[in-house]
PDB file of all heavy atoms in Angstrom:
ATOM      1  N   HIS A   1     -63.820 -81.753  35.571  1.00  0.00           N
ATOM      2  CA  HIS A   1     -62.389 -81.507  35.792  1.00  0.00           C
ATOM      3  C   HIS A   1     -61.661 -81.075  34.525  1.00  0.00           C
ATOM      4  O   HIS A   1     -60.788 -80.205  34.573  1.00  0.00           O
ATOM      5  CB  HIS A   1     -61.693 -82.716  36.418  1.00  0.00           C
ATOM      6  CG  HIS A   1     -61.780 -83.954  35.585  1.00  0.00           C
ATOM      7  ND1 HIS A   1     -60.890 -84.244  34.589  1.00  0.00           N
ATOM      8  CD2 HIS A   1     -62.676 -84.959  35.609  1.00  0.00           C
ATOM      9  CE1 HIS A   1     -61.221 -85.388  34.025  1.00  0.00           C
ATOM     10  NE2 HIS A   1     -62.305 -85.845  34.626  1.00  0.00           N
ATOM     11  N   ALA A   2     -62.018 -81.629  33.388  1.00  0.00           N
ATOM     12  CA  ALA A   2     -61.339 -81.261  32.136  1.00  0.00           C
ATOM     13  C   ALA A   2     -61.653 -79.808  31.771  1.00  0.00           C
ATOM     14  O   ALA A   2     -60.755 -79.057  31.364  1.00  0.00           O
ATOM     15  CB  ALA A   2     -61.751 -82.206  31.010  1.00  0.00           C
ATOM     16  N   GLU A   3     -62.906 -79.411  31.918  1.00  0.00           N
ATOM     17  CA  GLU A   3     -63.295 -78.019  31.645  1.00  0.00           C
ATOM     18  C   GLU A   3     -62.538 -77.065  32.563  1.00  0.00           C
ATOM     19  O   GLU A   3     -62.040 -76.028  32.126  1.00  0.00           O
ATOM     20  CB  GLU A   3     -64.805 -77.816  31.867  1.00  0.00           C
ATOM     21  CG  GLU A   3     -65.690 -78.610  30.951  1.00  0.00           C
ATOM     22  CD  GLU A   3     -65.812 -78.023  29.549  1.00  0.00           C
ATOM     23  OE1 GLU A   3     -65.141 -77.029  29.230  1.00  0.00           O
ATOM     24  OE2 GLU A   3     -66.601 -78.575  28.779  1.00  0.00           O
ATOM     25  N   ARG A   4     -62.451 -77.430  33.847  1.00  0.00           N
ATOM     26  CA  ARG A   4     -61.747 -76.583  34.814  1.00  0.00           C
ATOM     27  C   ARG A   4     -60.271 -76.462  34.448  1.00  0.00           C
ATOM     28  O   ARG A   4     -59.686 -75.392  34.574  1.00  0.00           O
ATOM     29  CB  ARG A   4     -61.883 -77.160  36.221  1.00  0.00           C
ATOM     30  CG  ARG A   4     -63.268 -77.066  36.799  1.00  0.00           C
ATOM     31  CD  ARG A   4     -63.335 -77.840  38.125  1.00  0.00           C
ATOM     32  NE  ARG A   4     -64.662 -77.866  38.671  1.00  0.00           N
ATOM     33  CZ  ARG A   4     -65.016 -77.258  39.803  1.00  0.00           C
ATOM     34  NH1 ARG A   4     -64.134 -76.558  40.489  1.00  0.00           N
ATOM     35  NH2 ARG A   4     -66.243 -77.351  40.246  1.00  0.00           N
ATOM     36  N   ALA A   5     -59.684 -77.564  34.024  1.00  0.00           N
ATOM     37  CA  ALA A   5     -58.255 -77.558  33.682  1.00  0.00           C
ATOM     38  C   ALA A   5     -57.992 -76.659  32.478  1.00  0.00           C
ATOM     39  O   ALA A   5     -57.034 -75.877  32.475  1.00  0.00           O
ATOM     40  CB  ALA A   5     -57.777 -78.978  33.409  1.00  0.00           C
ATOM     41  N   VAL A   6     -58.830 -76.750  31.462  1.00  0.00           N
ATOM     42  CA  VAL A   6     -58.642 -75.911  30.272  1.00  0.00           C
ATOM     43  C   VAL A   6     -58.886 -74.442  30.621  1.00  0.00           C
ATOM     44  O   VAL A   6     -58.127 -73.563  30.201  1.00  0.00           O
ATOM     45  CB  VAL A   6     -59.543 -76.378  29.103  1.00  0.00           C
ATOM     46  CG1 VAL A   6     -59.498 -75.397  27.947  1.00  0.00           C
ATOM     47  CG2 VAL A   6     -59.111 -77.766  28.645  1.00  0.00           C
ATOM     48  N   ALA A   7     -59.920 -74.166  31.406  1.00  0.00           N
ATOM     49  CA  ALA A   7     -60.189 -72.782  31.808  1.00  0.00           C
ATOM     50  C   ALA A   7     -59.005 -72.223  32.604  1.00  0.00           C
ATOM     51  O   ALA A   7     -58.595 -71.073  32.393  1.00  0.00           O
ATOM     52  CB  ALA A   7     -61.474 -72.705  32.630  1.00  0.00           C
ATOM     53  N   ALA A   8     -58.446 -73.026  33.497  1.00  0.00           N
ATOM     54  CA  ALA A   8     -57.283 -72.577  34.270  1.00  0.00           C
ATOM     55  C   ALA A   8     -56.082 -72.348  33.359  1.00  0.00           C
ATOM     56  O   ALA A   8     -55.351 -71.366  33.515  1.00  0.00           O
ATOM     57  CB  ALA A   8     -56.946 -73.604  35.349  1.00  0.00           C
ATOM     58  N   ALA A   9     -55.872 -73.232  32.390  1.00  0.00           N
ATOM     59  CA  ALA A   9     -54.752 -73.084  31.458  1.00  0.00           C
ATOM     60  C   ALA A   9     -54.873 -71.786  30.666  1.00  0.00           C
ATOM     61  O   ALA A   9     -53.895 -71.048  30.503  1.00  0.00           O
ATOM     62  CB  ALA A   9     -54.679 -74.282  30.513  1.00  0.00           C
ATOM     63  N   LEU A  10     -56.074 -71.497  30.189  1.00  0.00           N
ATOM     64  CA  LEU A  10     -56.284 -70.272  29.416  1.00  0.00           C
ATOM     65  C   LEU A  10     -56.094 -69.028  30.287  1.00  0.00           C
ATOM     66  O   LEU A  10     -55.500 -68.039  29.853  1.00  0.00           O
ATOM     67  CB  LEU A  10     -57.665 -70.284  28.766  1.00  0.00           C
ATOM     68  CG  LEU A  10     -57.857 -71.372  27.703  1.00  0.00           C
ATOM     69  CD1 LEU A  10     -59.319 -71.431  27.250  1.00  0.00           C
ATOM     70  CD2 LEU A  10     -56.928 -71.157  26.530  1.00  0.00           C
ATOM     71  N   ALA A  11     -56.576 -69.084  31.531  1.00  0.00           N
ATOM     72  CA  ALA A  11     -56.394 -67.949  32.441  1.00  0.00           C
ATOM     73  C   ALA A  11     -54.919 -67.771  32.791  1.00  0.00           C
ATOM     74  O   ALA A  11     -54.417 -66.636  32.850  1.00  0.00           O
ATOM     75  CB  ALA A  11     -57.221 -68.160  33.713  1.00  0.00           C
ATOM     76  N   MET A  12     -54.206 -68.868  32.999  1.00  0.00           N
ATOM     77  CA  MET A  12     -52.772 -68.786  33.283  1.00  0.00           C
ATOM     78  C   MET A  12     -52.018 -68.209  32.090  1.00  0.00           C
ATOM     79  O   MET A  12     -51.112 -67.392  32.257  1.00  0.00           O
ATOM     80  CB  MET A  12     -52.225 -70.173  33.633  1.00  0.00           C
ATOM     81  CG  MET A  12     -52.677 -70.680  34.979  1.00  0.00           C
ATOM     82  SD  MET A  12     -52.302 -72.439  35.253  1.00  0.00           S
ATOM     83  CE  MET A  12     -50.543 -72.480  35.096  1.00  0.00           C
ATOM     84  N   ASP A  13     -52.389 -68.625  30.890  1.00  0.00           N
ATOM     85  CA  ASP A  13     -51.735 -68.104  29.691  1.00  0.00           C
ATOM     86  C   ASP A  13     -51.980 -66.609  29.555  1.00  0.00           C
ATOM     87  O   ASP A  13     -51.055 -65.840  29.270  1.00  0.00           O
ATOM     88  CB  ASP A  13     -52.236 -68.854  28.453  1.00  0.00           C
ATOM     89  CG  ASP A  13     -51.587 -68.337  27.185  1.00  0.00           C
ATOM     90  OD1 ASP A  13     -50.346 -68.208  27.147  1.00  0.00           O
ATOM     91  OD2 ASP A  13     -52.315 -68.053  26.217  1.00  0.00           O
ATOM     92  N   GLU A  14     -53.209 -66.200  29.757  1.00  0.00           N
ATOM     93  CA  GLU A  14     -53.532 -64.778  29.659  1.00  0.00           C
ATOM     94  C   GLU A  14     -52.740 -63.971  30.688  1.00  0.00           C
ATOM     95  O   GLU A  14     -52.165 -62.928  30.373  1.00  0.00           O
ATOM     96  CB  GLU A  14     -55.036 -64.568  29.869  1.00  0.00           C
ATOM     97  CG  GLU A  14     -55.475 -63.132  29.713  1.00  0.00           C
ATOM     98  CD  GLU A  14     -56.971 -62.973  29.936  1.00  0.00           C
ATOM     99  OE1 GLU A  14     -57.745 -63.827  29.476  1.00  0.00           O
ATOM    100  OE2 GLU A  14     -57.346 -61.977  30.582  1.00  0.00           O
ATOM    101  N   ALA A  15     -52.673 -64.455  31.919  1.00  0.00           N
ATOM    102  CA  ALA A  15     -51.908 -63.761  32.963  1.00  0.00           C
ATOM    103  C   ALA A  15     -50.423 -63.729  32.612  1.00  0.00           C
ATOM    104  O   ALA A  15     -49.754 -62.705  32.800  1.00  0.00           O
ATOM    105  CB  ALA A  15     -52.128 -64.441  34.310  1.00  0.00           C
ATOM    106  N   GLY A  16     -49.904 -64.829  32.099  1.00  0.00           N
ATOM    107  CA  GLY A  16     -48.499 -64.884  31.707  1.00  0.00           C
ATOM    108  C   GLY A  16     -48.171 -63.909  30.592  1.00  0.00           C
ATOM    109  O   GLY A  16     -47.125 -63.251  30.610  1.00  0.00           O
ATOM    110  N   GLN A  17     -49.062 -63.805  29.622  1.00  0.00           N
ATOM    111  CA  GLN A  17     -48.830 -62.868  28.522  1.00  0.00           C
ATOM    112  C   GLN A  17     -48.903 -61.414  28.998  1.00  0.00           C
ATOM    113  O   GLN A  17     -48.110 -60.568  28.562  1.00  0.00           O
ATOM    114  CB  GLN A  17     -49.821 -63.131  27.386  1.00  0.00           C
ATOM    115  CG  GLN A  17     -49.501 -64.435  26.666  1.00  0.00           C
ATOM    116  CD  GLN A  17     -50.299 -64.603  25.400  1.00  0.00           C
ATOM    117  OE1 GLN A  17     -50.405 -63.681  24.609  1.00  0.00           O
ATOM    118  NE2 GLN A  17     -50.872 -65.785  25.201  1.00  0.00           N
ATOM    119  N   ARG A  18     -49.841 -61.121  29.900  1.00  0.00           N
ATOM    120  CA  ARG A  18     -49.920 -59.761  30.455  1.00  0.00           C
ATOM    121  C   ARG A  18     -48.654 -59.430  31.249  1.00  0.00           C
ATOM    122  O   ARG A  18     -48.113 -58.337  31.143  1.00  0.00           O
ATOM    123  CB  ARG A  18     -51.141 -59.616  31.368  1.00  0.00           C
ATOM    124  CG  ARG A  18     -52.425 -59.303  30.655  1.00  0.00           C
ATOM    125  CD  ARG A  18     -53.527 -58.818  31.598  1.00  0.00           C
ATOM    126  NE  ARG A  18     -53.572 -59.475  32.880  1.00  0.00           N
ATOM    127  CZ  ARG A  18     -54.298 -60.552  33.168  1.00  0.00           C
ATOM    128  NH1 ARG A  18     -55.056 -61.106  32.229  1.00  0.00           N
ATOM    129  NH2 ARG A  18     -54.294 -61.084  34.366  1.00  0.00           N
ATOM    130  N   PHE A  19     -48.190 -60.398  32.041  1.00  0.00           N
ATOM    131  CA  PHE A  19     -46.981 -60.207  32.836  1.00  0.00           C
ATOM    132  C   PHE A  19     -45.780 -59.936  31.927  1.00  0.00           C
ATOM    133  O   PHE A  19     -45.022 -58.993  32.155  1.00  0.00           O
ATOM    134  CB  PHE A  19     -46.734 -61.449  33.703  1.00  0.00           C
ATOM    135  CG  PHE A  19     -45.502 -61.371  34.550  1.00  0.00           C
ATOM    136  CD1 PHE A  19     -45.482 -60.596  35.699  1.00  0.00           C
ATOM    137  CD2 PHE A  19     -44.368 -62.071  34.190  1.00  0.00           C
ATOM    138  CE1 PHE A  19     -44.337 -60.527  36.484  1.00  0.00           C
ATOM    139  CE2 PHE A  19     -43.214 -62.006  34.966  1.00  0.00           C
ATOM    140  CZ  PHE A  19     -43.202 -61.233  36.124  1.00  0.00           C
ATOM    141  N   SER A  20     -45.622 -60.757  30.897  1.00  0.00           N
ATOM    142  CA  SER A  20     -44.509 -60.581  29.958  1.00  0.00           C
ATOM    143  C   SER A  20     -44.593 -59.235  29.248  1.00  0.00           C
ATOM    144  O   SER A  20     -43.573 -58.559  29.071  1.00  0.00           O
ATOM    145  CB  SER A  20     -44.496 -61.702  28.919  1.00  0.00           C
ATOM    146  OG  SER A  20     -44.204 -62.931  29.524  1.00  0.00           O
ATOM    147  N   ALA A  21     -45.784 -58.829  28.840  1.00  0.00           N
ATOM    148  CA  ALA A  21     -45.958 -57.541  28.161  1.00  0.00           C
ATOM    149  C   ALA A  21     -45.586 -56.391  29.091  1.00  0.00           C
ATOM    150  O   ALA A  21     -44.955 -55.415  28.667  1.00  0.00           O
ATOM    151  CB  ALA A  21     -47.400 -57.390  27.669  1.00  0.00           C
ATOM    152  N   GLY A  22     -45.962 -56.503  30.362  1.00  0.00           N
ATOM    153  CA  GLY A  22     -45.613 -55.471  31.336  1.00  0.00           C
ATOM    154  C   GLY A  22     -44.107 -55.342  31.509  1.00  0.00           C
ATOM    155  O   GLY A  22     -43.572 -54.234  31.597  1.00  0.00           O
ATOM    156  N   LEU A  23     -43.422 -56.475  31.544  1.00  0.00           N
ATOM    157  CA  LEU A  23     -41.963 -56.441  31.659  1.00  0.00           C
ATOM    158  C   LEU A  23     -41.325 -55.870  30.400  1.00  0.00           C
ATOM    159  O   LEU A  23     -40.386 -55.071  30.483  1.00  0.00           O
ATOM    160  CB  LEU A  23     -41.416 -57.836  31.951  1.00  0.00           C
ATOM    161  CG  LEU A  23     -41.718 -58.390  33.341  1.00  0.00           C
ATOM    162  CD1 LEU A  23     -41.214 -59.830  33.447  1.00  0.00           C
ATOM    163  CD2 LEU A  23     -41.090 -57.537  34.424  1.00  0.00           C
ATOM    164  N   ARG A  24     -41.832 -56.288  29.229  1.00  0.00           N
ATOM    165  CA  ARG A  24     -41.283 -55.770  27.964  1.00  0.00           C
ATOM    166  C   ARG A  24     -41.444 -54.251  27.881  1.00  0.00           C
ATOM    167  O   ARG A  24     -40.588 -53.562  27.346  1.00  0.00           O
ATOM    168  CB  ARG A  24     -41.954 -56.444  26.766  1.00  0.00           C
ATOM    169  CG  ARG A  24     -41.315 -57.763  26.374  1.00  0.00           C
ATOM    170  CD  ARG A  24     -41.788 -58.239  25.004  1.00  0.00           C
ATOM    171  NE  ARG A  24     -43.238 -58.326  24.888  1.00  0.00           N
ATOM    172  CZ  ARG A  24     -43.984 -59.336  25.319  1.00  0.00           C
ATOM    173  NH1 ARG A  24     -43.412 -60.370  25.886  1.00  0.00           N
ATOM    174  NH2 ARG A  24     -45.290 -59.322  25.157  1.00  0.00           N
ATOM    175  N   ALA A  25     -42.533 -53.735  28.428  1.00  0.00           N
ATOM    176  CA  ALA A  25     -42.766 -52.285  28.419  1.00  0.00           C
ATOM    177  C   ALA A  25     -41.686 -51.549  29.211  1.00  0.00           C
ATOM    178  O   ALA A  25     -41.449 -50.366  28.985  1.00  0.00           O
ATOM    179  CB  ALA A  25     -44.146 -51.968  28.989  1.00  0.00           C
ATOM    180  N   HIS A  26     -41.039 -52.264  30.122  1.00  0.00           N
ATOM    181  CA  HIS A  26     -39.950 -51.690  30.915  1.00  0.00           C
ATOM    182  C   HIS A  26     -38.580 -52.137  30.398  1.00  0.00           C
ATOM    183  O   HIS A  26     -37.573 -52.013  31.097  1.00  0.00           O
ATOM    184  CB  HIS A  26     -40.105 -52.071  32.385  1.00  0.00           C
ATOM    185  CG  HIS A  26     -41.269 -51.403  33.043  1.00  0.00           C
ATOM    186  ND1 HIS A  26     -42.525 -51.973  33.078  1.00  0.00           N
ATOM    187  CD2 HIS A  26     -41.374 -50.188  33.641  1.00  0.00           C
ATOM    188  CE1 HIS A  26     -43.338 -51.149  33.696  1.00  0.00           C
ATOM    189  NE2 HIS A  26     -42.669 -50.058  34.049  1.00  0.00           N
ATOM    190  N   GLY A  27     -38.549 -52.710  29.196  1.00  0.00           N
ATOM    191  CA  GLY A  27     -37.284 -53.119  28.595  1.00  0.00           C
ATOM    192  C   GLY A  27     -36.729 -54.424  29.113  1.00  0.00           C
ATOM    193  O   GLY A  27     -35.554 -54.729  28.909  1.00  0.00           O
ATOM    194  N   ILE A  28     -37.550 -55.214  29.775  1.00  0.00           N
ATOM    195  CA  ILE A  28     -37.099 -56.500  30.325  1.00  0.00           C
ATOM    196  C   ILE A  28     -37.672 -57.626  29.476  1.00  0.00           C
ATOM    197  O   ILE A  28     -38.888 -57.756  29.348  1.00  0.00           O
ATOM    198  CB  ILE A  28     -37.552 -56.666  31.790  1.00  0.00           C
ATOM    199  CG1 ILE A  28     -37.005 -55.519  32.643  1.00  0.00           C
ATOM    200  CG2 ILE A  28     -37.116 -58.019  32.332  1.00  0.00           C
ATOM    201  CD1 ILE A  28     -37.606 -55.453  34.028  1.00  0.00           C
ATOM    202  N   GLU A  29     -36.793 -58.426  28.889  1.00  0.00           N
ATOM    203  CA  GLU A  29     -37.256 -59.574  28.107  1.00  0.00           C
ATOM    204  C   GLU A  29     -37.569 -60.732  29.047  1.00  0.00           C
ATOM    205  O   GLU A  29     -36.834 -60.984  29.994  1.00  0.00           O
ATOM    206  CB  GLU A  29     -36.202 -59.985  27.084  1.00  0.00           C
ATOM    207  CG  GLU A  29     -36.167 -59.087  25.871  1.00  0.00           C
ATOM    208  CD  GLU A  29     -37.505 -58.985  25.148  1.00  0.00           C
ATOM    209  OE1 GLU A  29     -38.156 -60.019  24.902  1.00  0.00           O
ATOM    210  OE2 GLU A  29     -37.908 -57.855  24.839  1.00  0.00           O
ATOM    211  N   TRP A  30     -38.633 -61.426  28.762  1.00  0.00           N
ATOM    212  CA  TRP A  30     -39.087 -62.532  29.600  1.00  0.00           C
ATOM    213  C   TRP A  30     -39.472 -63.678  28.690  1.00  0.00           C
ATOM    214  O   TRP A  30     -39.913 -63.467  27.572  1.00  0.00           O
ATOM    215  CB  TRP A  30     -40.293 -62.078  30.430  1.00  0.00           C
ATOM    216  CG  TRP A  30     -40.701 -63.035  31.492  1.00  0.00           C
ATOM    217  CD1 TRP A  30     -41.719 -63.934  31.428  1.00  0.00           C
ATOM    218  CD2 TRP A  30     -40.105 -63.202  32.781  1.00  0.00           C
ATOM    219  NE1 TRP A  30     -41.801 -64.649  32.584  1.00  0.00           N
ATOM    220  CE2 TRP A  30     -40.809 -64.205  33.441  1.00  0.00           C
ATOM    221  CE3 TRP A  30     -39.037 -62.591  33.427  1.00  0.00           C
ATOM    222  CZ2 TRP A  30     -40.495 -64.629  34.723  1.00  0.00           C
ATOM    223  CZ3 TRP A  30     -38.732 -63.010  34.712  1.00  0.00           C
ATOM    224  CH2 TRP A  30     -39.452 -64.010  35.345  1.00  0.00           C
ATOM    225  N   GLY A  31     -39.333 -64.880  29.166  1.00  0.00           N
ATOM    226  CA  GLY A  31     -39.670 -66.062  28.368  1.00  0.00           C
ATOM    227  C   GLY A  31     -41.174 -66.241  28.220  1.00  0.00           C
ATOM    228  O   GLY A  31     -41.968 -65.350  28.515  1.00  0.00           O
ATOM    229  N   HIS A  32     -41.543 -67.398  27.752  1.00  0.00           N
ATOM    230  CA  HIS A  32     -42.949 -67.726  27.519  1.00  0.00           C
ATOM    231  C   HIS A  32     -43.441 -68.690  28.576  1.00  0.00           C
ATOM    232  O   HIS A  32     -42.708 -69.551  29.039  1.00  0.00           O
ATOM    233  CB  HIS A  32     -43.138 -68.390  26.150  1.00  0.00           C
ATOM    234  CG  HIS A  32     -42.727 -67.529  25.012  1.00  0.00           C
ATOM    235  ND1 HIS A  32     -43.471 -66.451  24.598  1.00  0.00           N
ATOM    236  CD2 HIS A  32     -41.657 -67.575  24.206  1.00  0.00           C
ATOM    237  CE1 HIS A  32     -42.870 -65.874  23.584  1.00  0.00           C
ATOM    238  NE2 HIS A  32     -41.756 -66.542  23.324  1.00  0.00           N
ATOM    239  N   THR A  33     -44.696 -68.549  28.920  1.00  0.00           N
ATOM    240  CA  THR A  33     -45.358 -69.536  29.763  1.00  0.00           C
ATOM    241  C   THR A  33     -45.924 -70.596  28.829  1.00  0.00           C
ATOM    242  O   THR A  33     -46.598 -70.269  27.858  1.00  0.00           O
ATOM    243  CB  THR A  33     -46.493 -68.883  30.571  1.00  0.00           C
ATOM    244  OG1 THR A  33     -45.933 -67.868  31.393  1.00  0.00           O
ATOM    245  CG2 THR A  33     -47.209 -69.896  31.432  1.00  0.00           C
ATOM    246  N   ARG A  34     -45.598 -71.848  29.099  1.00  0.00           N
ATOM    247  CA  ARG A  34     -46.102 -72.944  28.271  1.00  0.00           C
ATOM    248  C   ARG A  34     -46.904 -73.887  29.160  1.00  0.00           C
ATOM    249  O   ARG A  34     -46.443 -74.265  30.231  1.00  0.00           O
ATOM    250  CB  ARG A  34     -44.950 -73.674  27.598  1.00  0.00           C
ATOM    251  CG  ARG A  34     -44.197 -72.788  26.628  1.00  0.00           C
ATOM    252  CD  ARG A  34     -43.106 -73.577  25.902  1.00  0.00           C
ATOM    253  NE  ARG A  34     -42.375 -72.703  25.014  1.00  0.00           N
ATOM    254  CZ  ARG A  34     -41.167 -72.215  25.277  1.00  0.00           C
ATOM    255  NH1 ARG A  34     -40.549 -72.537  26.387  1.00  0.00           N
ATOM    256  NH2 ARG A  34     -40.571 -71.427  24.418  1.00  0.00           N
ATOM    257  N   ILE A  35     -48.072 -74.278  28.662  1.00  0.00           N
ATOM    258  CA  ILE A  35     -48.992 -75.066  29.472  1.00  0.00           C
ATOM    259  C   ILE A  35     -49.450 -76.280  28.676  1.00  0.00           C
ATOM    260  O   ILE A  35     -49.849 -76.160  27.519  1.00  0.00           O
ATOM    261  CB  ILE A  35     -50.215 -74.218  29.881  1.00  0.00           C
ATOM    262  CG1 ILE A  35     -49.737 -72.963  30.627  1.00  0.00           C
ATOM    263  CG2 ILE A  35     -51.182 -75.023  30.728  1.00  0.00           C
ATOM    264  CD1 ILE A  35     -50.771 -71.869  30.705  1.00  0.00           C
ATOM    265  N   GLY A  36     -49.398 -77.445  29.313  1.00  0.00           N
ATOM    266  CA  GLY A  36     -49.900 -78.674  28.720  1.00  0.00           C
ATOM    267  C   GLY A  36     -51.014 -79.233  29.577  1.00  0.00           C
ATOM    268  O   GLY A  36     -50.901 -79.260  30.812  1.00  0.00           O
ATOM    269  N   VAL A  37     -52.096 -79.665  28.951  1.00  0.00           N
ATOM    270  CA  VAL A  37     -53.242 -80.201  29.685  1.00  0.00           C
ATOM    271  C   VAL A  37     -53.515 -81.611  29.177  1.00  0.00           C
ATOM    272  O   VAL A  37     -53.664 -81.835  27.968  1.00  0.00           O
ATOM    273  CB  VAL A  37     -54.502 -79.323  29.504  1.00  0.00           C
ATOM    274  CG1 VAL A  37     -55.640 -79.847  30.374  1.00  0.00           C
ATOM    275  CG2 VAL A  37     -54.202 -77.864  29.825  1.00  0.00           C
ATOM    276  N   HIS A  38     -53.570 -82.554  30.124  1.00  0.00           N
ATOM    277  CA  HIS A  38     -53.850 -83.946  29.782  1.00  0.00           C
ATOM    278  C   HIS A  38     -54.743 -84.529  30.868  1.00  0.00           C
ATOM    279  O   HIS A  38     -54.669 -84.122  32.035  1.00  0.00           O
ATOM    280  CB  HIS A  38     -52.555 -84.742  29.682  1.00  0.00           C
ATOM    281  CG  HIS A  38     -52.751 -86.183  29.336  1.00  0.00           C
ATOM    282  ND1 HIS A  38     -53.337 -86.593  28.159  1.00  0.00           N
ATOM    283  CD2 HIS A  38     -52.462 -87.304  30.023  1.00  0.00           C
ATOM    284  CE1 HIS A  38     -53.379 -87.918  28.135  1.00  0.00           C
ATOM    285  NE2 HIS A  38     -52.859 -88.371  29.262  1.00  0.00           N
ATOM    286  N   THR A  39     -55.568 -85.473  30.503  1.00  0.00           N
ATOM    287  CA  THR A  39     -56.526 -86.079  31.413  1.00  0.00           C
ATOM    288  C   THR A  39     -56.292 -87.581  31.497  1.00  0.00           C
ATOM    289  O   THR A  39     -56.057 -88.222  30.475  1.00  0.00           O
ATOM    290  CB  THR A  39     -57.968 -85.816  30.909  1.00  0.00           C
ATOM    291  OG1 THR A  39     -58.170 -84.410  30.847  1.00  0.00           O
ATOM    292  CG2 THR A  39     -59.004 -86.447  31.814  1.00  0.00           C
ATOM    293  N   GLY A  40     -56.372 -88.128  32.699  1.00  0.00           N
ATOM    294  CA  GLY A  40     -56.244 -89.569  32.879  1.00  0.00           C
ATOM    295  C   GLY A  40     -56.178 -89.921  34.345  1.00  0.00           C
ATOM    296  O   GLY A  40     -56.292 -89.069  35.225  1.00  0.00           O
ATOM    297  N   MET A  41     -55.960 -91.183  34.589  1.00  0.00           N
ATOM    298  CA  MET A  41     -55.866 -91.693  35.958  1.00  0.00           C
ATOM    299  C   MET A  41     -54.466 -91.442  36.511  1.00  0.00           C
ATOM    300  O   MET A  41     -53.490 -91.474  35.769  1.00  0.00           O
ATOM    301  CB  MET A  41     -56.162 -93.193  35.984  1.00  0.00           C
ATOM    302  CG  MET A  41     -57.555 -93.554  35.507  1.00  0.00           C
ATOM    303  SD  MET A  41     -58.868 -92.872  36.524  1.00  0.00           S
ATOM    304  CE  MET A  41     -58.651 -93.819  38.010  1.00  0.00           C
ATOM    305  N   ALA A  42     -54.403 -91.201  37.812  1.00  0.00           N
ATOM    306  CA  ALA A  42     -53.121 -91.006  38.482  1.00  0.00           C
ATOM    307  C   ALA A  42     -53.236 -91.505  39.915  1.00  0.00           C
ATOM    308  O   ALA A  42     -54.332 -91.577  40.474  1.00  0.00           O
ATOM    309  CB  ALA A  42     -52.723 -89.532  38.468  1.00  0.00           C
ATOM    310  N   LEU A  43     -52.112 -91.842  40.487  1.00  0.00           N
ATOM    311  CA  LEU A  43     -52.037 -92.185  41.898  1.00  0.00           C
ATOM    312  C   LEU A  43     -51.911 -90.857  42.644  1.00  0.00           C
ATOM    313  O   LEU A  43     -50.933 -90.128  42.453  1.00  0.00           O
ATOM    314  CB  LEU A  43     -50.819 -93.073  42.167  1.00  0.00           C
ATOM    315  CG  LEU A  43     -50.542 -93.418  43.621  1.00  0.00           C
ATOM    316  CD1 LEU A  43     -51.680 -94.237  44.195  1.00  0.00           C
ATOM    317  CD2 LEU A  43     -49.234 -94.162  43.735  1.00  0.00           C
TER     318      LEU A  43
END
């Protein structure tokens, strides 16, 4: 699960950066995607 979470975070970051770059190419400023990954027990 931890490996999957980090892989998903990296893929999400890459997609977010591509999306933002595409918008910037059209003169649209966009914020940043920020991702936090933590492991533990939950209900």
